[in-house]
Amino acid sequence: SSGINAEYGTVGFISSMSRNFCGGCNRLRLTHDGMLKVCLFGKDEVSLRDILRDSNLPEEKRTEMLHAVIAGAVKKKKFSHGGVESIKEQMKRPMILIGG
């Protein structure tokens, strides 16, 4: 990222398209409907909602399953932009439906 210093603050730009930092990105996004996204540019999502809503699961088992699902999703994270070459042509949820 780069920035401009001003008298009352700083304006910064995240240049993820021209300066790819995906390989070191540690951000996750939980959508309004309980889906976990490991990349805003990717279309892959994993449901955490189903595990959280399963009233038949003991708390310990639920926690174990959540850890496993989240770890599995993070391990599959692509090195750059959700693993796609052309982001403009990729079908994915618009930001307004992802939240944040």
C-alpha atoms as a PDB file:
ATOM      1  CA  SER A   1       0.000   0.000   0.000  1.00  0.00           C
ATOM      2  CA  SER A   2       1.069   3.589  -0.461  1.00  0.00           C
ATOM      3  CA  GLY A   3      -0.161   6.759   1.148  1.00  0.00           C
ATOM      4  CA  ILE A   4      -0.268  10.527   1.057  1.00  0.00           C
ATOM      5  CA  ASN A   5       0.486  12.451   4.246  1.00  0.00           C
ATOM      6  CA  ALA A   6      -1.788  15.404   4.855  1.00  0.00           C
ATOM      7  CA  GLU A   7      -2.163  17.994   7.595  1.00  0.00           C
ATOM      8  CA  TYR A   8      -5.142  16.198   9.186  1.00  0.00           C
ATOM      9  CA  GLY A   9      -4.447  12.559   8.411  1.00  0.00           C
ATOM     10  CA  THR A  10      -3.304  10.078   5.823  1.00  0.00           C
ATOM     11  CA  VAL A  11      -4.980   8.734   2.705  1.00  0.00           C
ATOM     12  CA  GLY A  12      -3.821   5.303   1.627  1.00  0.00           C
ATOM     13  CA  PHE A  13      -4.343   3.019  -1.337  1.00  0.00           C
ATOM     14  CA  ILE A  14      -4.308  -0.766  -1.291  1.00  0.00           C
ATOM     15  CA  SER A  15      -2.902  -1.815  -4.643  1.00  0.00           C
ATOM     16  CA  SER A  16      -3.852  -5.475  -4.579  1.00  0.00           C
ATOM     17  CA  MET A  17      -4.145  -5.696  -8.353  1.00  0.00           C
ATOM     18  CA  SER A  18      -0.770  -4.207  -9.261  1.00  0.00           C
ATOM     19  CA  ARG A  19       1.106  -5.231  -6.088  1.00  0.00           C
ATOM     20  CA  ASN A  20      -0.238  -8.645  -5.196  1.00  0.00           C
ATOM     21  CA  PHE A  21       0.088  -9.417  -1.474  1.00  0.00           C
ATOM     22  CA  CYS A  22      -2.241 -12.438  -1.410  1.00  0.00           C
ATOM     23  CA  GLY A  23       0.474 -14.893  -0.387  1.00  0.00           C
ATOM     24  CA  GLY A  24       0.899 -13.049   2.925  1.00  0.00           C
ATOM     25  CA  CYS A  25      -2.733 -12.063   3.486  1.00  0.00           C
ATOM     26  CA  ASN A  26      -4.152 -13.245   6.804  1.00  0.00           C
ATOM     27  CA  ARG A  27      -7.688 -11.885   6.456  1.00  0.00           C
ATOM     28  CA  LEU A  28     -10.902 -13.884   6.559  1.00  0.00           C
ATOM     29  CA  ARG A  29     -14.457 -12.658   5.978  1.00  0.00           C
ATOM     30  CA  LEU A  30     -17.596 -14.053   7.609  1.00  0.00           C
ATOM     31  CA  THR A  31     -20.639 -13.167   5.521  1.00  0.00           C
ATOM     32  CA  HIS A  32     -24.055 -12.224   6.857  1.00  0.00           C
ATOM     33  CA  ASP A  33     -25.359 -15.713   6.056  1.00  0.00           C
ATOM     34  CA  GLY A  34     -22.626 -17.629   7.895  1.00  0.00           C
ATOM     35  CA  MET A  35     -20.267 -18.340   5.008  1.00  0.00           C
ATOM     36  CA  LEU A  36     -16.502 -18.040   5.474  1.00  0.00           C
ATOM     37  CA  LYS A  37     -14.484 -16.478   2.637  1.00  0.00           C
ATOM     38  CA  VAL A  38     -10.707 -16.683   2.727  1.00  0.00           C
ATOM     39  CA  CYS A  39     -10.358 -14.325  -0.254  1.00  0.00           C
ATOM     40  CA  LEU A  40     -12.600 -11.469  -1.362  1.00  0.00           C
ATOM     41  CA  PHE A  41     -11.545 -12.107  -4.967  1.00  0.00           C
ATOM     42  CA  GLY A  42     -12.343 -15.822  -4.795  1.00  0.00           C
ATOM     43  CA  LYS A  43     -15.740 -17.418  -5.187  1.00  0.00           C
ATOM     44  CA  ASP A  44     -15.109 -20.268  -2.716  1.00  0.00           C
ATOM     45  CA  GLU A  45     -17.046 -20.144   0.539  1.00  0.00           C
ATOM     46  CA  VAL A  46     -17.407 -22.585   3.435  1.00  0.00           C
ATOM     47  CA  SER A  47     -20.496 -22.777   5.653  1.00  0.00           C
ATOM     48  CA  LEU A  48     -19.943 -22.214   9.367  1.00  0.00           C
ATOM     49  CA  ARG A  49     -23.654 -21.621   9.899  1.00  0.00           C
ATOM     50  CA  ASP A  50     -24.564 -25.298   9.572  1.00  0.00           C
ATOM     51  CA  ILE A  51     -22.110 -26.324  12.301  1.00  0.00           C
ATOM     52  CA  LEU A  52     -23.159 -23.477  14.597  1.00  0.00           C
ATOM     53  CA  ARG A  53     -26.862 -24.253  14.228  1.00  0.00           C
ATOM     54  CA  ASP A  54     -26.595 -28.009  14.793  1.00  0.00           C
ATOM     55  CA  SER A  55     -28.179 -28.344  18.242  1.00  0.00           C
ATOM     56  CA  ASN A  56     -27.323 -32.071  18.366  1.00  0.00           C
ATOM     57  CA  LEU A  57     -23.593 -31.374  18.573  1.00  0.00           C
ATOM     58  CA  PRO A  58     -21.955 -31.140  21.998  1.00  0.00           C
ATOM     59  CA  GLU A  59     -20.083 -27.836  22.459  1.00  0.00           C
ATOM     60  CA  GLU A  60     -16.673 -29.523  22.419  1.00  0.00           C
ATOM     61  CA  LYS A  61     -17.423 -31.331  19.144  1.00  0.00           C
ATOM     62  CA  ARG A  62     -18.806 -28.109  17.588  1.00  0.00           C
ATOM     63  CA  THR A  63     -15.613 -26.233  18.480  1.00  0.00           C
ATOM     64  CA  GLU A  64     -13.480 -29.059  17.093  1.00  0.00           C
ATOM     65  CA  MET A  65     -15.457 -29.065  13.826  1.00  0.00           C
ATOM     66  CA  LEU A  66     -15.254 -25.267  13.457  1.00  0.00           C
ATOM     67  CA  HIS A  67     -11.482 -25.358  13.938  1.00  0.00           C
ATOM     68  CA  ALA A  68     -11.141 -28.118  11.335  1.00  0.00           C
ATOM     69  CA  VAL A  69     -13.350 -26.377   8.753  1.00  0.00           C
ATOM     70  CA  ILE A  70     -11.635 -22.992   9.192  1.00  0.00           C
ATOM     71  CA  ALA A  71      -8.141 -24.535   9.081  1.00  0.00           C
ATOM     72  CA  GLY A  72      -9.073 -26.507   5.953  1.00  0.00           C
ATOM     73  CA  ALA A  73     -10.363 -23.385   4.209  1.00  0.00           C
ATOM     74  CA  VAL A  74      -7.234 -21.397   5.087  1.00  0.00           C
ATOM     75  CA  LYS A  75      -4.961 -24.201   3.840  1.00  0.00           C
ATOM     76  CA  LYS A  76      -6.733 -24.101   0.455  1.00  0.00           C
ATOM     77  CA  LYS A  77      -6.212 -20.346   0.114  1.00  0.00           C
ATOM     78  CA  LYS A  78      -4.727 -19.490  -3.288  1.00  0.00           C
ATOM     79  CA  PHE A  79      -1.459 -17.619  -3.713  1.00  0.00           C
ATOM     80  CA  SER A  80      -3.036 -14.818  -5.773  1.00  0.00           C
ATOM     81  CA  HIS A  81      -6.501 -13.358  -6.260  1.00  0.00           C
ATOM     82  CA  GLY A  82      -8.526 -16.431  -5.485  1.00  0.00           C
ATOM     83  CA  GLY A  83      -6.465 -18.368  -8.022  1.00  0.00           C
ATOM     84  CA  VAL A  84      -8.072 -16.693 -11.039  1.00  0.00           C
ATOM     85  CA  GLU A  85      -6.371 -14.916 -13.896  1.00  0.00           C
ATOM     86  CA  SER A  86      -9.174 -12.532 -14.851  1.00  0.00           C
ATOM     87  CA  ILE A  87     -11.105 -11.176 -11.883  1.00  0.00           C
ATOM     88  CA  LYS A  88     -13.447  -9.133 -14.065  1.00  0.00           C
ATOM     89  CA  GLU A  89     -14.797 -12.281 -15.734  1.00  0.00           C
ATOM     90  CA  GLN A  90     -15.224 -14.301 -12.539  1.00  0.00           C
ATOM     91  CA  MET A  91     -18.736 -14.876 -11.210  1.00  0.00           C
ATOM     92  CA  LYS A  92     -18.865 -14.121  -7.496  1.00  0.00           C
ATOM     93  CA  ARG A  93     -20.989 -12.341  -4.925  1.00  0.00           C
ATOM     94  CA  PRO A  94     -20.873  -8.559  -5.130  1.00  0.00           C
ATOM     95  CA  MET A  95     -19.330  -6.799  -2.109  1.00  0.00           C
ATOM     96  CA  ILE A  96     -22.737  -5.568  -0.946  1.00  0.00           C
ATOM     97  CA  LEU A  97     -23.791  -9.190  -0.394  1.00  0.00           C
ATOM     98  CA  ILE A  98     -20.534 -10.164   1.316  1.00  0.00           C
ATOM     99  CA  GLY A  99     -20.602  -7.385   3.920  1.00  0.00           C
ATOM    100  CA  GLY A 100     -17.837  -5.493   5.538  1.00  0.00           C
END
